[in-house]
Amino acid sequence: MNEMIIGNTWFEHHPRRLWTWLSNDDETKNQIDYILIDKRFRNGMININTLPGADCNSDHNLLMSKIKIKLKSTSKAVKNLKLNLKLLKTNTAIKEQYTVEVKNRFTGLEEIQEVEQRWVKLKDALTQSATETVTTMKTTGKRKWMTEEILELMEKRRLAKTYKVRHKEINKEIKRKCDQAKEKWLNEQCEEIKTELYKEPKAIYKRIQEITGRKASSKTGCIKSKDGSIIMEKDKKLERWSEYISELFDDDRNEDLTFQDIPEGPETMREEVENTIKNMKTGKATGPDKISTEMMQALEGIELDAITKMLNTIYNTGEIPKEMLQSIFIVLPKKTRSDRV
């Protein structure tokens, strides 16, 4: 009824490892103690047996079970789909569709007086329009040399699992194809390294890392407090970083400076905003607002006018949206002298 199994009956042991109770006549031995486990967890049970030599002052033997537990996280990680933002430059149709979506969402932006609300509407207009119009990037396999032919053979192998001879033949074919594809890919990479040797020396290291499978480690390990002691706890590390950054950006000269003391200057022109956006580097990670350079560079006309007006409002009023005041710090481990050698 409860879909449980009796673990004692799953393992073959000598009779002295099976009986659990000895009667008063010192001859009759029975198995009357059991360990039950849910059917779905039966593979986690490694062994169950009695220990007749255990001194437990009882007519029952000690019954012991060895169980291997595999814990799984109940909360599923949310996948962040990466947009193929290069299409905003290369695909004219997608760019036009994106600008139309942004223009429609910019309706009523001028009527909003509060800077924070205007910023939220502008940010949502850009990010939501990109999500609806730009396709996500195709995820590639773990192995860059993997081919469609090999993947099709793997699917055939999966379907032929019940046919041992056929399964074995396909498995051999897959191994042979994998060796050929890997060798071909390595040769192509080596040839590209040769051609890039004099053109782009920096690109060579990236190619070598792709071939060898090495990845740069961003782990910083432990950090030190002001007195030089090593901090290992996570909370104390965060406190130390907060303290360090506060001291780094602390400027005593501007303590008493207020917004009214700052001299007024000419308003920012649209041409300045357009030129700045044009010169921004692409392919960079986004900040907390999730707005990328590619999204900004695809804008034109009314959208740029709206952004210019909002920037001037921020400059004139001194009200800065909360997300613009947020920064993401990435800790880079400093190489010691021994590492450099």
C-alpha atoms as a PDB file:
ATOM      1  CA  MET A   1       0.000   0.000   0.000  1.00  0.00           C
ATOM      2  CA  ASN A   2       2.844   2.412   0.841  1.00  0.00           C
ATOM      3  CA  GLU A   3       5.170   1.035  -1.869  1.00  0.00           C
ATOM      4  CA  MET A   4       7.910   0.055   0.568  1.00  0.00           C
ATOM      5  CA  ILE A   5      10.304  -2.890   0.398  1.00  0.00           C
ATOM      6  CA  ILE A   6      11.931  -5.052   3.078  1.00  0.00           C
ATOM      7  CA  GLY A   7      15.638  -4.376   2.756  1.00  0.00           C
ATOM      8  CA  ASN A   8      16.744  -7.586   4.564  1.00  0.00           C
ATOM      9  CA  THR A   9      15.521  -9.724   1.654  1.00  0.00           C
ATOM     10  CA  TRP A  10      17.565  -7.906  -0.957  1.00  0.00           C
ATOM     11  CA  PHE A  11      20.996  -9.199   0.035  1.00  0.00           C
ATOM     12  CA  GLU A  12      22.464 -12.699   0.163  1.00  0.00           C
ATOM     13  CA  HIS A  13      24.389 -13.398   3.367  1.00  0.00           C
ATOM     14  CA  HIS A  14      25.382 -16.332   5.533  1.00  0.00           C
ATOM     15  CA  PRO A  15      22.477 -17.402   7.813  1.00  0.00           C
ATOM     16  CA  ARG A  16      24.277 -16.044  10.902  1.00  0.00           C
ATOM     17  CA  ARG A  17      24.093 -12.576   9.262  1.00  0.00           C
ATOM     18  CA  LEU A  18      20.345 -12.904   8.598  1.00  0.00           C
ATOM     19  CA  TRP A  19      18.638 -14.007  11.827  1.00  0.00           C
ATOM     20  CA  THR A  20      17.706 -11.261  14.256  1.00  0.00           C
ATOM     21  CA  TRP A  21      16.180 -13.060  17.271  1.00  0.00           C
ATOM     22  CA  LEU A  22      17.300 -16.006  19.451  1.00  0.00           C
ATOM     23  CA  SER A  23      14.651 -17.858  21.489  1.00  0.00           C
ATOM     24  CA  ASN A  24      15.019 -18.956  25.122  1.00  0.00           C
ATOM     25  CA  ASP A  25      16.075 -22.477  24.106  1.00  0.00           C
ATOM     26  CA  ASP A  26      19.244 -20.985  22.543  1.00  0.00           C
ATOM     27  CA  GLU A  27      18.573 -22.970  19.349  1.00  0.00           C
ATOM     28  CA  THR A  28      15.609 -21.412  17.546  1.00  0.00           C
ATOM     29  CA  LYS A  29      16.662 -18.434  15.452  1.00  0.00           C
ATOM     30  CA  ASN A  30      14.237 -16.289  13.482  1.00  0.00           C
ATOM     31  CA  GLN A  31      14.286 -13.210  11.283  1.00  0.00           C
ATOM     32  CA  ILE A  32      11.665 -11.012  12.888  1.00  0.00           C
ATOM     33  CA  ASP A  33      13.293  -7.533  12.703  1.00  0.00           C
ATOM     34  CA  TYR A  34      13.232  -5.680   9.420  1.00  0.00           C
ATOM     35  CA  ILE A  35      14.363  -2.449   7.820  1.00  0.00           C
ATOM     36  CA  LEU A  36      11.830  -0.978   5.404  1.00  0.00           C
ATOM     37  CA  ILE A  37      12.595   1.661   2.825  1.00  0.00           C
ATOM     38  CA  ASP A  38      10.601   3.493   0.198  1.00  0.00           C
ATOM     39  CA  LYS A  39      10.695   1.685  -3.142  1.00  0.00           C
ATOM     40  CA  ARG A  40      12.015   4.736  -4.980  1.00  0.00           C
ATOM     41  CA  PHE A  41      15.101   4.842  -2.719  1.00  0.00           C
ATOM     42  CA  ARG A  42      15.974   1.123  -2.848  1.00  0.00           C
ATOM     43  CA  ASN A  43      19.041   1.695  -5.040  1.00  0.00           C
ATOM     44  CA  GLY A  44      20.495   3.816  -2.256  1.00  0.00           C
ATOM     45  CA  MET A  45      20.604   0.787   0.037  1.00  0.00           C
ATOM     46  CA  ILE A  46      24.076  -0.747  -0.219  1.00  0.00           C
ATOM     47  CA  ASN A  47      23.923  -3.479   2.430  1.00  0.00           C
ATOM     48  CA  ILE A  48      21.849  -4.803   5.370  1.00  0.00           C
ATOM     49  CA  ASN A  49      23.097  -7.451   7.781  1.00  0.00           C
ATOM     50  CA  THR A  50      23.074  -8.380  11.460  1.00  0.00           C
ATOM     51  CA  LEU A  51      26.015  -8.149  13.868  1.00  0.00           C
ATOM     52  CA  PRO A  52      25.643 -11.201  16.157  1.00  0.00           C
ATOM     53  CA  GLY A  53      28.807 -10.334  18.074  1.00  0.00           C
ATOM     54  CA  ALA A  54      27.520  -6.935  19.247  1.00  0.00           C
ATOM     55  CA  ASP A  55      27.110  -6.720  23.026  1.00  0.00           C
ATOM     56  CA  CYS A  56      23.710  -5.048  23.345  1.00  0.00           C
ATOM     57  CA  ASN A  57      22.285  -7.133  26.265  1.00  0.00           C
ATOM     58  CA  SER A  58      19.280  -8.342  24.271  1.00  0.00           C
ATOM     59  CA  ASP A  59      17.921 -11.511  22.692  1.00  0.00           C
ATOM     60  CA  HIS A  60      17.835  -9.535  19.412  1.00  0.00           C
ATOM     61  CA  ASN A  61      20.869  -9.068  17.197  1.00  0.00           C
ATOM     62  CA  LEU A  62      21.912  -5.623  16.098  1.00  0.00           C
ATOM     63  CA  LEU A  63      20.577  -5.006  12.574  1.00  0.00           C
ATOM     64  CA  MET A  64      22.561  -2.511  10.537  1.00  0.00           C
ATOM     65  CA  SER A  65      21.925  -0.902   7.154  1.00  0.00           C
ATOM     66  CA  LYS A  66      24.397   0.938   4.972  1.00  0.00           C
ATOM     67  CA  ILE A  67      22.715   3.596   2.835  1.00  0.00           C
ATOM     68  CA  LYS A  68      24.147   5.960   0.251  1.00  0.00           C
ATOM     69  CA  ILE A  69      22.197   9.212  -0.030  1.00  0.00           C
ATOM     70  CA  LYS A  70      22.258  11.532  -3.032  1.00  0.00           C
ATOM     71  CA  LEU A  71      20.739  14.906  -2.298  1.00  0.00           C
ATOM     72  CA  LYS A  72      19.269  16.991  -5.082  1.00  0.00           C
ATOM     73  CA  SER A  73      18.316  20.629  -5.072  1.00  0.00           C
ATOM     74  CA  THR A  74      14.549  21.130  -5.145  1.00  0.00           C
ATOM     75  CA  SER A  75      14.725  24.642  -6.571  1.00  0.00           C
ATOM     76  CA  LYS A  76      15.413  24.777 -10.292  1.00  0.00           C
ATOM     77  CA  ALA A  77      17.918  27.357 -11.438  1.00  0.00           C
ATOM     78  CA  VAL A  78      16.468  29.984 -13.740  1.00  0.00           C
ATOM     79  CA  LYS A  79      18.166  29.977 -17.117  1.00  0.00           C
ATOM     80  CA  ASN A  80      19.196  33.340 -18.433  1.00  0.00           C
ATOM     81  CA  LEU A  81      18.684  33.181 -22.191  1.00  0.00           C
ATOM     82  CA  LYS A  82      21.374  35.101 -24.024  1.00  0.00           C
ATOM     83  CA  LEU A  83      20.117  37.260 -26.873  1.00  0.00           C
ATOM     84  CA  ASN A  84      21.963  37.327 -30.166  1.00  0.00           C
ATOM     85  CA  LEU A  85      22.347  41.124 -30.102  1.00  0.00           C
ATOM     86  CA  LYS A  86      24.651  41.110 -33.132  1.00  0.00           C
ATOM     87  CA  LEU A  87      21.489  40.772 -35.247  1.00  0.00           C
ATOM     88  CA  LEU A  88      20.630  44.395 -34.412  1.00  0.00           C
ATOM     89  CA  LYS A  89      23.624  45.342 -36.589  1.00  0.00           C
ATOM     90  CA  THR A  90      23.617  42.641 -39.238  1.00  0.00           C
ATOM     91  CA  ASN A  91      19.898  42.051 -39.793  1.00  0.00           C
ATOM     92  CA  THR A  92      18.049  45.112 -41.100  1.00  0.00           C
ATOM     93  CA  ALA A  93      14.565  43.596 -40.637  1.00  0.00           C
ATOM     94  CA  ILE A  94      15.162  42.768 -36.972  1.00  0.00           C
ATOM     95  CA  LYS A  95      16.626  46.221 -36.338  1.00  0.00           C
ATOM     96  CA  GLU A  96      13.583  47.930 -37.893  1.00  0.00           C
ATOM     97  CA  GLN A  97      11.208  45.750 -35.888  1.00  0.00           C
ATOM     98  CA  TYR A  98      13.150  46.530 -32.711  1.00  0.00           C
ATOM     99  CA  THR A  99      13.047  50.312 -33.276  1.00  0.00           C
ATOM    100  CA  VAL A 100       9.301  50.165 -33.985  1.00  0.00           C
ATOM    101  CA  GLU A 101       8.704  48.261 -30.725  1.00  0.00           C
ATOM    102  CA  VAL A 102      10.817  50.763 -28.776  1.00  0.00           C
ATOM    103  CA  LYS A 103       9.033  53.743 -30.380  1.00  0.00           C
ATOM    104  CA  ASN A 104       5.635  52.292 -29.444  1.00  0.00           C
ATOM    105  CA  ARG A 105       6.721  51.763 -25.857  1.00  0.00           C
ATOM    106  CA  PHE A 106       8.162  55.275 -25.639  1.00  0.00           C
ATOM    107  CA  THR A 107       4.617  56.646 -26.004  1.00  0.00           C
ATOM    108  CA  GLY A 108       3.772  58.740 -22.953  1.00  0.00           C
ATOM    109  CA  LEU A 109       7.383  58.910 -21.771  1.00  0.00           C
ATOM    110  CA  GLU A 110       7.465  62.707 -22.097  1.00  0.00           C
ATOM    111  CA  GLU A 111       4.454  63.095 -19.803  1.00  0.00           C
ATOM    112  CA  ILE A 112       6.213  61.392 -16.855  1.00  0.00           C
ATOM    113  CA  GLN A 113       7.775  63.995 -14.599  1.00  0.00           C
ATOM    114  CA  GLU A 114       9.609  61.835 -12.025  1.00  0.00           C
ATOM    115  CA  VAL A 115      13.062  60.762 -13.154  1.00  0.00           C
ATOM    116  CA  GLU A 116      12.852  57.320 -11.509  1.00  0.00           C
ATOM    117  CA  GLN A 117       9.581  56.414 -13.228  1.00  0.00           C
ATOM    118  CA  ARG A 118      10.817  57.741 -16.561  1.00  0.00           C
ATOM    119  CA  TRP A 119      13.971  55.673 -16.278  1.00  0.00           C
ATOM    120  CA  VAL A 120      12.037  52.487 -15.454  1.00  0.00           C
ATOM    121  CA  LYS A 121       9.768  52.968 -18.471  1.00  0.00           C
ATOM    122  CA  LEU A 122      12.749  53.660 -20.744  1.00  0.00           C
ATOM    123  CA  LYS A 123      14.659  50.622 -19.475  1.00  0.00           C
ATOM    124  CA  ASP A 124      11.637  48.312 -19.843  1.00  0.00           C
ATOM    125  CA  ALA A 125      11.042  49.621 -23.365  1.00  0.00           C
ATOM    126  CA  LEU A 126      14.554  48.696 -24.469  1.00  0.00           C
ATOM    127  CA  THR A 127      14.842  45.318 -22.723  1.00  0.00           C
ATOM    128  CA  GLN A 128      11.341  44.049 -23.539  1.00  0.00           C
ATOM    129  CA  SER A 129      11.605  45.110 -27.178  1.00  0.00           C
ATOM    130  CA  ALA A 130      14.914  43.252 -27.503  1.00  0.00           C
ATOM    131  CA  THR A 131      13.452  40.121 -25.882  1.00  0.00           C
ATOM    132  CA  GLU A 132      10.486  40.088 -28.276  1.00  0.00           C
ATOM    133  CA  THR A 133      12.356  40.825 -31.513  1.00  0.00           C
ATOM    134  CA  VAL A 134      15.873  39.396 -31.128  1.00  0.00           C
ATOM    135  CA  THR A 135      16.329  35.631 -31.158  1.00  0.00           C
ATOM    136  CA  THR A 136      18.351  33.849 -28.511  1.00  0.00           C
ATOM    137  CA  MET A 137      21.813  32.509 -29.271  1.00  0.00           C
ATOM    138  CA  LYS A 138      22.044  28.849 -30.170  1.00  0.00           C
ATOM    139  CA  THR A 139      23.668  26.793 -27.466  1.00  0.00           C
ATOM    140  CA  THR A 140      26.600  24.821 -28.767  1.00  0.00           C
ATOM    141  CA  GLY A 141      27.701  21.418 -27.545  1.00  0.00           C
ATOM    142  CA  LYS A 142      30.315  20.935 -24.895  1.00  0.00           C
ATOM    143  CA  ARG A 143      32.717  19.684 -27.536  1.00  0.00           C
ATOM    144  CA  LYS A 144      33.404  22.162 -30.309  1.00  0.00           C
ATOM    145  CA  TRP A 145      34.427  19.409 -32.691  1.00  0.00           C
ATOM    146  CA  MET A 146      31.056  17.654 -32.365  1.00  0.00           C
ATOM    147  CA  THR A 147      29.214  17.207 -35.677  1.00  0.00           C
ATOM    148  CA  GLU A 148      25.558  16.686 -36.572  1.00  0.00           C
ATOM    149  CA  GLU A 149      26.413  13.253 -37.976  1.00  0.00           C
ATOM    150  CA  ILE A 150      27.771  12.105 -34.594  1.00  0.00           C
ATOM    151  CA  LEU A 151      24.713  13.455 -32.764  1.00  0.00           C
ATOM    152  CA  GLU A 152      22.430  11.529 -35.127  1.00  0.00           C
ATOM    153  CA  LEU A 153      24.423   8.357 -34.490  1.00  0.00           C
ATOM    154  CA  MET A 154      24.088   8.911 -30.743  1.00  0.00           C
ATOM    155  CA  GLU A 155      20.322   9.111 -31.114  1.00  0.00           C
ATOM    156  CA  LYS A 156      20.362   5.840 -33.101  1.00  0.00           C
ATOM    157  CA  ARG A 157      22.485   4.252 -30.366  1.00  0.00           C
ATOM    158  CA  ARG A 158      19.951   5.340 -27.739  1.00  0.00           C
ATOM    159  CA  LEU A 159      17.074   3.773 -29.696  1.00  0.00           C
ATOM    160  CA  ALA A 160      19.052   0.543 -30.214  1.00  0.00           C
ATOM    161  CA  LYS A 161      19.727   0.009 -26.511  1.00  0.00           C
ATOM    162  CA  THR A 162      17.693  -3.213 -26.394  1.00  0.00           C
ATOM    163  CA  TYR A 163      19.559  -4.679 -29.403  1.00  0.00           C
ATOM    164  CA  LYS A 164      23.028  -5.454 -28.030  1.00  0.00           C
ATOM    165  CA  VAL A 165      24.757  -6.303 -31.323  1.00  0.00           C
ATOM    166  CA  ARG A 166      23.404  -3.226 -33.123  1.00  0.00           C
ATOM    167  CA  HIS A 167      24.168  -1.036 -30.111  1.00  0.00           C
ATOM    168  CA  LYS A 168      27.763  -2.257 -30.048  1.00  0.00           C
ATOM    169  CA  GLU A 169      28.254  -1.586 -33.786  1.00  0.00           C
ATOM    170  CA  ILE A 170      26.897   1.971 -33.535  1.00  0.00           C
ATOM    171  CA  ASN A 171      29.022   2.642 -30.458  1.00  0.00           C
ATOM    172  CA  LYS A 172      32.183   1.657 -32.365  1.00  0.00           C
ATOM    173  CA  GLU A 173      31.163   3.890 -35.267  1.00  0.00           C
ATOM    174  CA  ILE A 174      30.608   6.835 -32.874  1.00  0.00           C
ATOM    175  CA  LYS A 175      34.058   6.402 -31.324  1.00  0.00           C
ATOM    176  CA  ARG A 176      35.681   6.300 -34.748  1.00  0.00           C
ATOM    177  CA  LYS A 177      33.798   9.409 -35.930  1.00  0.00           C
ATOM    178  CA  CYS A 178      34.651  11.265 -32.707  1.00  0.00           C
ATOM    179  CA  ASP A 179      38.362  10.568 -33.138  1.00  0.00           C
ATOM    180  CA  GLN A 180      38.271  11.774 -36.743  1.00  0.00           C
ATOM    181  CA  ALA A 181      36.271  14.927 -35.935  1.00  0.00           C
ATOM    182  CA  LYS A 182      38.485  15.816 -32.989  1.00  0.00           C
ATOM    183  CA  GLU A 183      41.686  15.363 -34.993  1.00  0.00           C
ATOM    184  CA  LYS A 184      40.300  17.457 -37.862  1.00  0.00           C
ATOM    185  CA  TRP A 185      39.249  20.245 -35.460  1.00  0.00           C
ATOM    186  CA  LEU A 186      42.657  20.287 -33.740  1.00  0.00           C
ATOM    187  CA  ASN A 187      44.456  20.517 -37.071  1.00  0.00           C
ATOM    188  CA  GLU A 188      42.245  23.431 -38.138  1.00  0.00           C
ATOM    189  CA  GLN A 189      42.914  25.232 -34.865  1.00  0.00           C
ATOM    190  CA  CYS A 190      46.666  24.760 -35.244  1.00  0.00           C
ATOM    191  CA  GLU A 191      46.559  26.139 -38.777  1.00  0.00           C
ATOM    192  CA  GLU A 192      44.622  29.198 -37.602  1.00  0.00           C
ATOM    193  CA  ILE A 193      47.182  29.781 -34.842  1.00  0.00           C
ATOM    194  CA  LYS A 194      49.939  29.760 -37.443  1.00  0.00           C
ATOM    195  CA  THR A 195      48.167  32.352 -39.586  1.00  0.00           C
ATOM    196  CA  GLU A 196      47.361  34.596 -36.590  1.00  0.00           C
ATOM    197  CA  LEU A 197      50.880  34.382 -35.165  1.00  0.00           C
ATOM    198  CA  TYR A 198      51.984  37.661 -36.759  1.00  0.00           C
ATOM    199  CA  LYS A 199      48.585  39.300 -37.256  1.00  0.00           C
ATOM    200  CA  GLU A 200      47.070  39.086 -33.749  1.00  0.00           C
ATOM    201  CA  PRO A 201      49.487  37.676 -31.150  1.00  0.00           C
ATOM    202  CA  LYS A 202      46.967  38.156 -28.338  1.00  0.00           C
ATOM    203  CA  ALA A 203      44.416  35.911 -30.076  1.00  0.00           C
ATOM    204  CA  ILE A 204      46.870  33.003 -29.956  1.00  0.00           C
ATOM    205  CA  TYR A 205      46.506  32.582 -26.178  1.00  0.00           C
ATOM    206  CA  LYS A 206      42.735  32.391 -26.537  1.00  0.00           C
ATOM    207  CA  ARG A 207      43.051  29.685 -29.192  1.00  0.00           C
ATOM    208  CA  ILE A 208      45.455  27.675 -27.045  1.00  0.00           C
ATOM    209  CA  GLN A 209      43.052  27.873 -24.100  1.00  0.00           C
ATOM    210  CA  GLU A 210      40.216  26.590 -26.319  1.00  0.00           C
ATOM    211  CA  ILE A 211      42.315  23.627 -27.464  1.00  0.00           C
ATOM    212  CA  THR A 212      43.657  22.695 -24.031  1.00  0.00           C
ATOM    213  CA  GLY A 213      40.357  23.343 -22.261  1.00  0.00           C
ATOM    214  CA  ARG A 214      41.935  25.632 -19.697  1.00  0.00           C
ATOM    215  CA  LYS A 215      39.792  28.308 -18.106  1.00  0.00           C
ATOM    216  CA  ALA A 216      40.904  31.296 -16.089  1.00  0.00           C
ATOM    217  CA  SER A 217      40.018  30.922 -12.431  1.00  0.00           C
ATOM    218  CA  SER A 218      38.253  33.822 -10.754  1.00  0.00           C
ATOM    219  CA  LYS A 219      38.457  32.394  -7.255  1.00  0.00           C
ATOM    220  CA  THR A 220      40.109  34.736  -4.814  1.00  0.00           C
ATOM    221  CA  GLY A 221      40.293  32.387  -1.850  1.00  0.00           C
ATOM    222  CA  CYS A 222      40.716  34.440   1.299  1.00  0.00           C
ATOM    223  CA  ILE A 223      41.321  38.133   1.918  1.00  0.00           C
ATOM    224  CA  LYS A 224      43.032  40.004   4.737  1.00  0.00           C
ATOM    225  CA  SER A 225      41.639  42.419   7.273  1.00  0.00           C
ATOM    226  CA  LYS A 226      43.216  45.763   8.191  1.00  0.00           C
ATOM    227  CA  ASP A 227      45.427  44.157  10.825  1.00  0.00           C
ATOM    228  CA  GLY A 228      46.668  41.551   8.319  1.00  0.00           C
ATOM    229  CA  SER A 229      44.724  38.550   9.634  1.00  0.00           C
ATOM    230  CA  ILE A 230      43.131  36.205   7.074  1.00  0.00           C
ATOM    231  CA  ILE A 231      39.328  36.320   6.735  1.00  0.00           C
ATOM    232  CA  MET A 232      37.611  33.066   5.762  1.00  0.00           C
ATOM    233  CA  GLU A 233      33.927  33.723   6.617  1.00  0.00           C
ATOM    234  CA  LYS A 234      31.691  34.930   3.774  1.00  0.00           C
ATOM    235  CA  ASP A 235      29.891  37.619   5.823  1.00  0.00           C
ATOM    236  CA  LYS A 236      33.133  39.080   7.109  1.00  0.00           C
ATOM    237  CA  LYS A 237      34.553  39.109   3.560  1.00  0.00           C
ATOM    238  CA  LEU A 238      31.585  41.182   2.365  1.00  0.00           C
ATOM    239  CA  GLU A 239      32.017  43.554   5.294  1.00  0.00           C
ATOM    240  CA  ARG A 240      35.711  43.948   4.483  1.00  0.00           C
ATOM    241  CA  TRP A 241      34.981  44.679   0.803  1.00  0.00           C
ATOM    242  CA  SER A 242      32.333  47.231   1.784  1.00  0.00           C
ATOM    243  CA  GLU A 243      34.806  48.892   4.139  1.00  0.00           C
ATOM    244  CA  TYR A 244      37.556  48.921   1.505  1.00  0.00           C
ATOM    245  CA  ILE A 245      35.332  50.403  -1.231  1.00  0.00           C
ATOM    246  CA  SER A 246      33.965  53.062   1.148  1.00  0.00           C
ATOM    247  CA  GLU A 247      37.501  54.162   1.950  1.00  0.00           C
ATOM    248  CA  LEU A 248      38.529  53.999  -1.719  1.00  0.00           C
ATOM    249  CA  PHE A 249      35.797  56.398  -2.880  1.00  0.00           C
ATOM    250  CA  ASP A 250      35.804  58.600   0.198  1.00  0.00           C
ATOM    251  CA  ASP A 251      36.657  62.198  -0.688  1.00  0.00           C
ATOM    252  CA  ASP A 252      36.908  64.625   2.217  1.00  0.00           C
ATOM    253  CA  ARG A 253      37.138  67.580  -0.143  1.00  0.00           C
ATOM    254  CA  ASN A 254      33.529  67.176  -1.312  1.00  0.00           C
ATOM    255  CA  GLU A 255      31.961  66.470   2.086  1.00  0.00           C
ATOM    256  CA  ASP A 256      30.139  69.804   2.365  1.00  0.00           C
ATOM    257  CA  LEU A 257      29.484  70.186  -1.354  1.00  0.00           C
ATOM    258  CA  THR A 258      25.784  70.299  -2.271  1.00  0.00           C
ATOM    259  CA  PHE A 259      23.994  70.215  -5.604  1.00  0.00           C
ATOM    260  CA  GLN A 260      23.282  73.955  -5.394  1.00  0.00           C
ATOM    261  CA  ASP A 261      27.043  74.669  -5.189  1.00  0.00           C
ATOM    262  CA  ILE A 262      27.726  73.021  -8.568  1.00  0.00           C
ATOM    263  CA  PRO A 263      27.900  75.622 -11.362  1.00  0.00           C
ATOM    264  CA  GLU A 264      25.382  75.268 -14.165  1.00  0.00           C
ATOM    265  CA  GLY A 265      26.557  74.423 -17.658  1.00  0.00           C
ATOM    266  CA  PRO A 266      25.082  74.090 -21.141  1.00  0.00           C
ATOM    267  CA  GLU A 267      22.604  71.290 -21.769  1.00  0.00           C
ATOM    268  CA  THR A 268      23.752  68.085 -23.413  1.00  0.00           C
ATOM    269  CA  MET A 269      22.991  68.034 -27.142  1.00  0.00           C
ATOM    270  CA  ARG A 270      21.557  65.086 -28.990  1.00  0.00           C
ATOM    271  CA  GLU A 271      24.650  64.931 -31.235  1.00  0.00           C
ATOM    272  CA  GLU A 272      26.823  64.413 -28.133  1.00  0.00           C
ATOM    273  CA  VAL A 273      24.643  61.542 -26.909  1.00  0.00           C
ATOM    274  CA  GLU A 274      24.564  59.957 -30.384  1.00  0.00           C
ATOM    275  CA  ASN A 275      28.328  60.245 -30.776  1.00  0.00           C
ATOM    276  CA  THR A 276      28.960  58.775 -27.304  1.00  0.00           C
ATOM    277  CA  ILE A 277      26.679  55.789 -27.959  1.00  0.00           C
ATOM    278  CA  LYS A 278      28.300  55.247 -31.362  1.00  0.00           C
ATOM    279  CA  ASN A 279      31.797  55.043 -29.803  1.00  0.00           C
ATOM    280  CA  MET A 280      30.790  52.605 -27.051  1.00  0.00           C
ATOM    281  CA  LYS A 281      32.343  49.140 -27.250  1.00  0.00           C
ATOM    282  CA  THR A 282      30.036  46.265 -28.156  1.00  0.00           C
ATOM    283  CA  GLY A 283      30.012  42.725 -26.832  1.00  0.00           C
ATOM    284  CA  LYS A 284      30.300  43.878 -23.225  1.00  0.00           C
ATOM    285  CA  ALA A 285      28.382  42.480 -20.259  1.00  0.00           C
ATOM    286  CA  THR A 286      25.357  44.476 -19.155  1.00  0.00           C
ATOM    287  CA  GLY A 287      24.901  46.108 -15.773  1.00  0.00           C
ATOM    288  CA  PRO A 288      21.972  45.770 -13.355  1.00  0.00           C
ATOM    289  CA  ASP A 289      19.659  47.449 -15.893  1.00  0.00           C
ATOM    290  CA  LYS A 290      20.348  44.708 -18.541  1.00  0.00           C
ATOM    291  CA  ILE A 291      20.718  47.365 -21.273  1.00  0.00           C
ATOM    292  CA  SER A 292      23.476  46.513 -23.746  1.00  0.00           C
ATOM    293  CA  THR A 293      25.457  48.767 -26.086  1.00  0.00           C
ATOM    294  CA  GLU A 294      23.860  47.063 -29.112  1.00  0.00           C
ATOM    295  CA  MET A 295      20.379  48.058 -27.891  1.00  0.00           C
ATOM    296  CA  MET A 296      21.446  51.694 -27.579  1.00  0.00           C
ATOM    297  CA  GLN A 297      23.248  51.822 -30.928  1.00  0.00           C
ATOM    298  CA  ALA A 298      20.139  50.601 -32.762  1.00  0.00           C
ATOM    299  CA  LEU A 299      18.143  53.650 -31.602  1.00  0.00           C
ATOM    300  CA  GLU A 300      17.504  56.692 -33.771  1.00  0.00           C
ATOM    301  CA  GLY A 301      15.238  59.732 -34.092  1.00  0.00           C
ATOM    302  CA  ILE A 302      12.636  60.132 -31.357  1.00  0.00           C
ATOM    303  CA  GLU A 303      14.273  57.557 -29.072  1.00  0.00           C
ATOM    304  CA  LEU A 304      17.557  59.460 -28.953  1.00  0.00           C
ATOM    305  CA  ASP A 305      15.679  62.696 -28.291  1.00  0.00           C
ATOM    306  CA  ALA A 306      13.921  61.080 -25.315  1.00  0.00           C
ATOM    307  CA  ILE A 307      17.198  59.785 -23.873  1.00  0.00           C
ATOM    308  CA  THR A 308      18.866  63.183 -24.313  1.00  0.00           C
ATOM    309  CA  LYS A 309      15.975  64.914 -22.549  1.00  0.00           C
ATOM    310  CA  MET A 310      16.109  62.467 -19.638  1.00  0.00           C
ATOM    311  CA  LEU A 311      19.875  62.951 -19.237  1.00  0.00           C
ATOM    312  CA  ASN A 312      19.399  66.731 -19.152  1.00  0.00           C
ATOM    313  CA  THR A 313      16.671  66.342 -16.528  1.00  0.00           C
ATOM    314  CA  ILE A 314      19.028  64.269 -14.378  1.00  0.00           C
ATOM    315  CA  TYR A 315      21.754  66.891 -14.826  1.00  0.00           C
ATOM    316  CA  ASN A 316      19.467  69.830 -13.993  1.00  0.00           C
ATOM    317  CA  THR A 317      17.621  68.288 -11.040  1.00  0.00           C
ATOM    318  CA  GLY A 318      20.359  66.100  -9.550  1.00  0.00           C
ATOM    319  CA  GLU A 319      17.896  63.183  -9.239  1.00  0.00           C
ATOM    320  CA  ILE A 320      19.685  60.006 -10.319  1.00  0.00           C
ATOM    321  CA  PRO A 321      17.806  56.690 -10.818  1.00  0.00           C
ATOM    322  CA  LYS A 322      18.714  54.040  -8.248  1.00  0.00           C
ATOM    323  CA  GLU A 323      20.054  51.570 -10.841  1.00  0.00           C
ATOM    324  CA  MET A 324      22.507  54.167 -12.148  1.00  0.00           C
ATOM    325  CA  LEU A 325      24.037  54.325  -8.672  1.00  0.00           C
ATOM    326  CA  GLN A 326      24.588  50.565  -8.517  1.00  0.00           C
ATOM    327  CA  SER A 327      27.884  48.964  -9.513  1.00  0.00           C
ATOM    328  CA  ILE A 328      28.982  45.372  -9.946  1.00  0.00           C
ATOM    329  CA  PHE A 329      32.469  44.663  -8.627  1.00  0.00           C
ATOM    330  CA  ILE A 330      34.296  41.614  -9.966  1.00  0.00           C
ATOM    331  CA  VAL A 331      37.133  40.496  -7.725  1.00  0.00           C
ATOM    332  CA  LEU A 332      40.284  39.629  -9.667  1.00  0.00           C
ATOM    333  CA  PRO A 333      42.930  37.638  -7.785  1.00  0.00           C
ATOM    334  CA  LYS A 334      46.280  39.384  -7.616  1.00  0.00           C
ATOM    335  CA  LYS A 335      49.251  37.316  -8.702  1.00  0.00           C
ATOM    336  CA  THR A 336      51.925  36.805  -6.106  1.00  0.00           C
ATOM    337  CA  ARG A 337      55.611  37.012  -6.905  1.00  0.00           C
ATOM    338  CA  SER A 338      55.879  33.207  -6.962  1.00  0.00           C
ATOM    339  CA  ASP A 339      53.018  33.013  -9.515  1.00  0.00           C
ATOM    340  CA  ARG A 340      54.767  35.468 -11.820  1.00  0.00           C
ATOM    341  CA  VAL A 341      57.914  33.388 -11.763  1.00  0.00           C
END
